[in-house]
Amino acid sequence: MLNTDLHNPNMEYKMTLENFVKNCRKINNGTDLPEQFLKDSYFEIKTQEIKTLQSRDLSREISVQKMHFFYQ
């Protein structure tokens, strides 16, 4: 949800860190996750969009896999 919210150009309002922390309350078996973990997660997703295999450049990934296989 956060990834879509921050990276979808059609979203008029972007989720803030404060809203993200509020949305994540009590999701850890009824307790809160550590605030630093949530902050780190928020900024990691904000700076680097999570992409599925279908949306990534597969030609680069295939080249990396071939190199890995070659050097094993």
PDB file of N, CA and C in Angstrom:
ATOM      1  N   MET A   1       0.816  -1.176   0.000  1.00  0.00           N
ATOM      2  CA  MET A   1       0.000   0.000   0.000  1.00  0.00           C
ATOM      3  C   MET A   1       0.872   1.257   0.000  1.00  0.00           C
ATOM      4  N   LEU A   2       1.890   1.276   0.840  1.00  0.00           N
ATOM      5  CA  LEU A   2       2.767   2.448   0.898  1.00  0.00           C
ATOM      6  C   LEU A   2       3.489   2.635  -0.434  1.00  0.00           C
ATOM      7  N   ASN A   3       3.981   1.554  -1.003  1.00  0.00           N
ATOM      8  CA  ASN A   3       4.701   1.630  -2.269  1.00  0.00           C
ATOM      9  C   ASN A   3       3.824   2.256  -3.357  1.00  0.00           C
ATOM     10  N   THR A   4       2.605   1.776  -3.478  1.00  0.00           N
ATOM     11  CA  THR A   4       1.679   2.319  -4.470  1.00  0.00           C
ATOM     12  C   THR A   4       1.381   3.784  -4.181  1.00  0.00           C
ATOM     13  N   ASP A   5       1.138   4.073  -2.932  1.00  0.00           N
ATOM     14  CA  ASP A   5       0.801   5.439  -2.545  1.00  0.00           C
ATOM     15  C   ASP A   5       1.926   6.419  -2.893  1.00  0.00           C
ATOM     16  N   LEU A   6       3.154   6.033  -2.646  1.00  0.00           N
ATOM     17  CA  LEU A   6       4.281   6.941  -2.867  1.00  0.00           C
ATOM     18  C   LEU A   6       4.718   7.030  -4.327  1.00  0.00           C
ATOM     19  N   HIS A   7       4.493   5.972  -5.104  1.00  0.00           N
ATOM     20  CA  HIS A   7       5.065   5.935  -6.456  1.00  0.00           C
ATOM     21  C   HIS A   7       4.047   5.990  -7.588  1.00  0.00           C
ATOM     22  N   ASN A   8       2.774   5.919  -7.282  1.00  0.00           N
ATOM     23  CA  ASN A   8       1.763   5.998  -8.328  1.00  0.00           C
ATOM     24  C   ASN A   8       1.511   7.467  -8.654  1.00  0.00           C
ATOM     25  N   PRO A   9       1.768   7.879  -9.891  1.00  0.00           N
ATOM     26  CA  PRO A   9       1.595   9.288 -10.250  1.00  0.00           C
ATOM     27  C   PRO A   9       0.143   9.755 -10.182  1.00  0.00           C
ATOM     28  N   ASN A  10      -0.793   8.827 -10.147  1.00  0.00           N
ATOM     29  CA  ASN A  10      -2.206   9.197 -10.070  1.00  0.00           C
ATOM     30  C   ASN A  10      -2.668   9.521  -8.651  1.00  0.00           C
ATOM     31  N   MET A  11      -1.829   9.255  -7.678  1.00  0.00           N
ATOM     32  CA  MET A  11      -2.191   9.541  -6.285  1.00  0.00           C
ATOM     33  C   MET A  11      -1.992  11.031  -6.023  1.00  0.00           C
ATOM     34  N   GLU A  12      -3.069  11.698  -5.649  1.00  0.00           N
ATOM     35  CA  GLU A  12      -2.996  13.135  -5.421  1.00  0.00           C
ATOM     36  C   GLU A  12      -2.250  13.469  -4.129  1.00  0.00           C
ATOM     37  N   TYR A  13      -2.525  12.700  -3.084  1.00  0.00           N
ATOM     38  CA  TYR A  13      -1.880  12.941  -1.789  1.00  0.00           C
ATOM     39  C   TYR A  13      -0.990  11.761  -1.444  1.00  0.00           C
ATOM     40  N   LYS A  14       0.239  12.034  -1.106  1.00  0.00           N
ATOM     41  CA  LYS A  14       1.199  10.992  -0.745  1.00  0.00           C
ATOM     42  C   LYS A  14       1.167  10.763   0.766  1.00  0.00           C
ATOM     43  N   MET A  15       1.282   9.509   1.164  1.00  0.00           N
ATOM     44  CA  MET A  15       1.271   9.174   2.578  1.00  0.00           C
ATOM     45  C   MET A  15       2.515   9.750   3.259  1.00  0.00           C
ATOM     46  N   THR A  16       2.308  10.359   4.396  1.00  0.00           N
ATOM     47  CA  THR A  16       3.427  10.896   5.175  1.00  0.00           C
ATOM     48  C   THR A  16       3.964   9.822   6.107  1.00  0.00           C
ATOM     49  N   LEU A  17       5.135  10.070   6.630  1.00  0.00           N
ATOM     50  CA  LEU A  17       5.708   9.153   7.613  1.00  0.00           C
ATOM     51  C   LEU A  17       4.765   9.006   8.799  1.00  0.00           C
ATOM     52  N   GLU A  18       4.220  10.107   9.261  1.00  0.00           N
ATOM     53  CA  GLU A  18       3.327  10.071  10.417  1.00  0.00           C
ATOM     54  C   GLU A  18       2.090   9.210  10.137  1.00  0.00           C
ATOM     55  N   ASN A  19       1.525   9.346   8.951  1.00  0.00           N
ATOM     56  CA  ASN A  19       0.361   8.528   8.594  1.00  0.00           C
ATOM     57  C   ASN A  19       0.729   7.053   8.485  1.00  0.00           C
ATOM     58  N   PHE A  20       1.902   6.772   7.943  1.00  0.00           N
ATOM     59  CA  PHE A  20       2.361   5.390   7.827  1.00  0.00           C
ATOM     60  C   PHE A  20       2.508   4.761   9.213  1.00  0.00           C
ATOM     61  N   VAL A  21       3.126   5.477  10.133  1.00  0.00           N
ATOM     62  CA  VAL A  21       3.298   4.959  11.494  1.00  0.00           C
ATOM     63  C   VAL A  21       1.934   4.713  12.134  1.00  0.00           C
ATOM     64  N   LYS A  22       1.002   5.629  11.957  1.00  0.00           N
ATOM     65  CA  LYS A  22      -0.353   5.456  12.509  1.00  0.00           C
ATOM     66  C   LYS A  22      -1.034   4.230  11.911  1.00  0.00           C
ATOM     67  N   ASN A  23      -0.883   4.033  10.598  1.00  0.00           N
ATOM     68  CA  ASN A  23      -1.510   2.885   9.926  1.00  0.00           C
ATOM     69  C   ASN A  23      -0.939   1.552  10.380  1.00  0.00           C
ATOM     70  N   CYS A  24       0.253   1.566  10.915  1.00  0.00           N
ATOM     71  CA  CYS A  24       0.928   0.324  11.313  1.00  0.00           C
ATOM     72  C   CYS A  24       0.778   0.015  12.802  1.00  0.00           C
ATOM     73  N   ARG A  25      -0.044   0.748  13.489  1.00  0.00           N
ATOM     74  CA  ARG A  25      -0.243   0.493  14.924  1.00  0.00           C
ATOM     75  C   ARG A  25      -0.917  -0.862  15.132  1.00  0.00           C
ATOM     76  N   LYS A  26      -0.424  -1.559  16.136  1.00  0.00           N
ATOM     77  CA  LYS A  26      -1.024  -2.821  16.611  1.00  0.00           C
ATOM     78  C   LYS A  26      -1.017  -3.934  15.567  1.00  0.00           C
ATOM     79  N   ILE A  27      -0.105  -3.891  14.583  1.00  0.00           N
ATOM     80  CA  ILE A  27      -0.088  -4.944  13.558  1.00  0.00           C
ATOM     81  C   ILE A  27       0.862  -6.079  13.904  1.00  0.00           C
ATOM     82  N   ASN A  28       1.544  -5.985  15.019  1.00  0.00           N
ATOM     83  CA  ASN A  28       2.510  -6.994  15.439  1.00  0.00           C
ATOM     84  C   ASN A  28       1.916  -7.784  16.607  1.00  0.00           C
ATOM     85  N   ASN A  29       0.937  -8.641  16.299  1.00  0.00           N
ATOM     86  CA  ASN A  29       0.239  -9.400  17.345  1.00  0.00           C
ATOM     87  C   ASN A  29      -0.357  -8.485  18.397  1.00  0.00           C
ATOM     88  N   GLY A  30      -0.926  -7.384  17.948  1.00  0.00           N
ATOM     89  CA  GLY A  30      -1.568  -6.445  18.856  1.00  0.00           C
ATOM     90  C   GLY A  30      -0.641  -5.425  19.476  1.00  0.00           C
ATOM     91  N   THR A  31       0.623  -5.456  19.113  1.00  0.00           N
ATOM     92  CA  THR A  31       1.577  -4.471  19.619  1.00  0.00           C
ATOM     93  C   THR A  31       2.138  -3.668  18.452  1.00  0.00           C
ATOM     94  N   ASP A  32       2.793  -2.576  18.776  1.00  0.00           N
ATOM     95  CA  ASP A  32       3.400  -1.729  17.747  1.00  0.00           C
ATOM     96  C   ASP A  32       4.780  -2.246  17.370  1.00  0.00           C
ATOM     97  N   LEU A  33       5.122  -2.086  16.092  1.00  0.00           N
ATOM     98  CA  LEU A  33       6.488  -2.366  15.651  1.00  0.00           C
ATOM     99  C   LEU A  33       7.389  -1.235  16.126  1.00  0.00           C
ATOM    100  N   PRO A  34       8.700  -1.498  16.258  1.00  0.00           N
ATOM    101  CA  PRO A  34       9.617  -0.423  16.668  1.00  0.00           C
ATOM    102  C   PRO A  34       9.545   0.759  15.700  1.00  0.00           C
ATOM    103  N   GLU A  35       9.472   1.957  16.250  1.00  0.00           N
ATOM    104  CA  GLU A  35       9.330   3.157  15.417  1.00  0.00           C
ATOM    105  C   GLU A  35      10.494   3.321  14.448  1.00  0.00           C
ATOM    106  N   GLN A  36      11.702   2.991  14.876  1.00  0.00           N
ATOM    107  CA  GLN A  36      12.853   3.124  13.974  1.00  0.00           C
ATOM    108  C   GLN A  36      12.729   2.179  12.782  1.00  0.00           C
ATOM    109  N   PHE A  37      12.206   0.977  13.010  1.00  0.00           N
ATOM    110  CA  PHE A  37      11.969   0.027  11.922  1.00  0.00           C
ATOM    111  C   PHE A  37      10.980   0.610  10.916  1.00  0.00           C
ATOM    112  N   LEU A  38       9.903   1.214  11.421  1.00  0.00           N
ATOM    113  CA  LEU A  38       8.899   1.805  10.535  1.00  0.00           C
ATOM    114  C   LEU A  38       9.475   2.987   9.764  1.00  0.00           C
ATOM    115  N   LYS A  39      10.264   3.813  10.435  1.00  0.00           N
ATOM    116  CA  LYS A  39      10.898   4.950   9.751  1.00  0.00           C
ATOM    117  C   LYS A  39      11.834   4.465   8.658  1.00  0.00           C
ATOM    118  N   ASP A  40      12.673   3.485   8.986  1.00  0.00           N
ATOM    119  CA  ASP A  40      13.605   2.945   7.994  1.00  0.00           C
ATOM    120  C   ASP A  40      12.849   2.347   6.804  1.00  0.00           C
ATOM    121  N   SER A  41      11.777   1.612   7.089  1.00  0.00           N
ATOM    122  CA  SER A  41      10.978   0.997   6.022  1.00  0.00           C
ATOM    123  C   SER A  41      10.363   2.066   5.128  1.00  0.00           C
ATOM    124  N   TYR A  42       9.799   3.091   5.747  1.00  0.00           N
ATOM    125  CA  TYR A  42       9.163   4.169   4.987  1.00  0.00           C
ATOM    126  C   TYR A  42      10.161   4.821   4.030  1.00  0.00           C
ATOM    127  N   PHE A  43      11.317   5.208   4.547  1.00  0.00           N
ATOM    128  CA  PHE A  43      12.275   5.919   3.697  1.00  0.00           C
ATOM    129  C   PHE A  43      12.920   5.010   2.658  1.00  0.00           C
ATOM    130  N   GLU A  44      13.057   3.726   2.972  1.00  0.00           N
ATOM    131  CA  GLU A  44      13.583   2.782   1.983  1.00  0.00           C
ATOM    132  C   GLU A  44      12.602   2.653   0.814  1.00  0.00           C
ATOM    133  N   ILE A  45      11.325   2.510   1.107  1.00  0.00           N
ATOM    134  CA  ILE A  45      10.314   2.391   0.056  1.00  0.00           C
ATOM    135  C   ILE A  45      10.156   3.711  -0.691  1.00  0.00           C
ATOM    136  N   LYS A  46      10.274   4.813   0.022  1.00  0.00           N
ATOM    137  CA  LYS A  46      10.149   6.126  -0.623  1.00  0.00           C
ATOM    138  C   LYS A  46      11.287   6.365  -1.618  1.00  0.00           C
ATOM    139  N   THR A  47      12.487   5.944  -1.271  1.00  0.00           N
ATOM    140  CA  THR A  47      13.636   6.192  -2.150  1.00  0.00           C
ATOM    141  C   THR A  47      13.817   5.118  -3.209  1.00  0.00           C
ATOM    142  N   GLN A  48      13.285   3.913  -2.959  1.00  0.00           N
ATOM    143  CA  GLN A  48      13.474   2.837  -3.929  1.00  0.00           C
ATOM    144  C   GLN A  48      12.164   2.065  -4.089  1.00  0.00           C
ATOM    145  N   GLU A  49      11.476   2.315  -5.177  1.00  0.00           N
ATOM    146  CA  GLU A  49      10.188   1.680  -5.445  1.00  0.00           C
ATOM    147  C   GLU A  49      10.326   0.164  -5.524  1.00  0.00           C
ATOM    148  N   ILE A  50       9.381  -0.543  -4.947  1.00  0.00           N
ATOM    149  CA  ILE A  50       9.325  -2.000  -5.069  1.00  0.00           C
ATOM    150  C   ILE A  50       8.652  -2.315  -6.395  1.00  0.00           C
ATOM    151  N   LYS A  51       9.310  -3.130  -7.201  1.00  0.00           N
ATOM    152  CA  LYS A  51       8.762  -3.481  -8.512  1.00  0.00           C
ATOM    153  C   LYS A  51       8.647  -4.997  -8.642  1.00  0.00           C
ATOM    154  N   THR A  52       7.631  -5.430  -9.336  1.00  0.00           N
ATOM    155  CA  THR A  52       7.458  -6.844  -9.604  1.00  0.00           C
ATOM    156  C   THR A  52       8.351  -7.241 -10.778  1.00  0.00           C
ATOM    157  N   LEU A  53       8.528  -8.530 -10.968  1.00  0.00           N
ATOM    158  CA  LEU A  53       9.332  -8.996 -12.095  1.00  0.00           C
ATOM    159  C   LEU A  53       8.789  -8.488 -13.418  1.00  0.00           C
ATOM    160  N   GLN A  54       7.485  -8.390 -13.541  1.00  0.00           N
ATOM    161  CA  GLN A  54       6.885  -7.947 -14.797  1.00  0.00           C
ATOM    162  C   GLN A  54       7.197  -6.491 -15.096  1.00  0.00           C
ATOM    163  N   SER A  55       7.431  -5.682 -14.078  1.00  0.00           N
ATOM    164  CA  SER A  55       7.655  -4.260 -14.318  1.00  0.00           C
ATOM    165  C   SER A  55       9.139  -3.897 -14.367  1.00  0.00           C
ATOM    166  N   ARG A  56      10.002  -4.839 -14.053  1.00  0.00           N
ATOM    167  CA  ARG A  56      11.434  -4.545 -14.082  1.00  0.00           C
ATOM    168  C   ARG A  56      12.021  -4.877 -15.449  1.00  0.00           C
ATOM    169  N   ASP A  57      13.229  -4.401 -15.678  1.00  0.00           N
ATOM    170  CA  ASP A  57      13.933  -4.677 -16.924  1.00  0.00           C
ATOM    171  C   ASP A  57      14.544  -6.073 -16.820  1.00  0.00           C
ATOM    172  N   LEU A  58      13.872  -7.064 -17.410  1.00  0.00           N
ATOM    173  CA  LEU A  58      14.323  -8.447 -17.285  1.00  0.00           C
ATOM    174  C   LEU A  58      15.605  -8.712 -18.067  1.00  0.00           C
ATOM    175  N   SER A  59      15.896  -7.952 -19.105  1.00  0.00           N
ATOM    176  CA  SER A  59      17.111  -8.194 -19.885  1.00  0.00           C
ATOM    177  C   SER A  59      18.354  -8.007 -19.018  1.00  0.00           C
ATOM    178  N   ARG A  60      18.359  -7.022 -18.139  1.00  0.00           N
ATOM    179  CA  ARG A  60      19.492  -6.803 -17.243  1.00  0.00           C
ATOM    180  C   ARG A  60      19.584  -7.949 -16.242  1.00  0.00           C
ATOM    181  N   GLU A  61      18.461  -8.407 -15.728  1.00  0.00           N
ATOM    182  CA  GLU A  61      18.470  -9.481 -14.743  1.00  0.00           C
ATOM    183  C   GLU A  61      18.972 -10.785 -15.343  1.00  0.00           C
ATOM    184  N   ILE A  62      18.613 -11.051 -16.587  1.00  0.00           N
ATOM    185  CA  ILE A  62      19.082 -12.264 -17.247  1.00  0.00           C
ATOM    186  C   ILE A  62      20.592 -12.200 -17.423  1.00  0.00           C
ATOM    187  N   SER A  63      21.126 -11.037 -17.772  1.00  0.00           N
ATOM    188  CA  SER A  63      22.575 -10.881 -17.914  1.00  0.00           C
ATOM    189  C   SER A  63      23.278 -11.140 -16.597  1.00  0.00           C
ATOM    190  N   VAL A  64      22.754 -10.640 -15.505  1.00  0.00           N
ATOM    191  CA  VAL A  64      23.338 -10.855 -14.185  1.00  0.00           C
ATOM    192  C   VAL A  64      23.295 -12.331 -13.832  1.00  0.00           C
ATOM    193  N   GLN A  65      22.200 -13.011 -14.127  1.00  0.00           N
ATOM    194  CA  GLN A  65      22.083 -14.433 -13.835  1.00  0.00           C
ATOM    195  C   GLN A  65      23.089 -15.238 -14.656  1.00  0.00           C
ATOM    196  N   LYS A  66      23.284 -14.861 -15.899  1.00  0.00           N
ATOM    197  CA  LYS A  66      24.260 -15.563 -16.736  1.00  0.00           C
ATOM    198  C   LYS A  66      25.664 -15.381 -16.182  1.00  0.00           C
ATOM    199  N   MET A  67      26.008 -14.182 -15.745  1.00  0.00           N
ATOM    200  CA  MET A  67      27.326 -13.939 -15.186  1.00  0.00           C
ATOM    201  C   MET A  67      27.518 -14.745 -13.909  1.00  0.00           C
ATOM    202  N   HIS A  68      26.497 -14.807 -13.074  1.00  0.00           N
ATOM    203  CA  HIS A  68      26.572 -15.561 -11.817  1.00  0.00           C
ATOM    204  C   HIS A  68      26.812 -17.041 -12.130  1.00  0.00           C
ATOM    205  N   PHE A  69      26.090 -17.581 -13.104  1.00  0.00           N
ATOM    206  CA  PHE A  69      26.241 -18.982 -13.490  1.00  0.00           C
ATOM    207  C   PHE A  69      27.657 -19.223 -14.024  1.00  0.00           C
ATOM    208  N   PHE A  70      28.156 -18.314 -14.841  1.00  0.00           N
ATOM    209  CA  PHE A  70      29.471 -18.454 -15.454  1.00  0.00           C
ATOM    210  C   PHE A  70      30.582 -18.512 -14.408  1.00  0.00           C
ATOM    211  N   TYR A  71      30.480 -17.722 -13.353  1.00  0.00           N
ATOM    212  CA  TYR A  71      31.540 -17.629 -12.362  1.00  0.00           C
ATOM    213  C   TYR A  71      31.415 -18.609 -11.211  1.00  0.00           C
ATOM    214  N   GLN A  72      30.444 -19.511 -11.256  1.00  0.00           N
ATOM    215  CA  GLN A  72      30.306 -20.491 -10.176  1.00  0.00           C
ATOM    216  C   GLN A  72      31.273 -21.620 -10.341  1.00  0.00           C
TER     217      GLN A  72
END
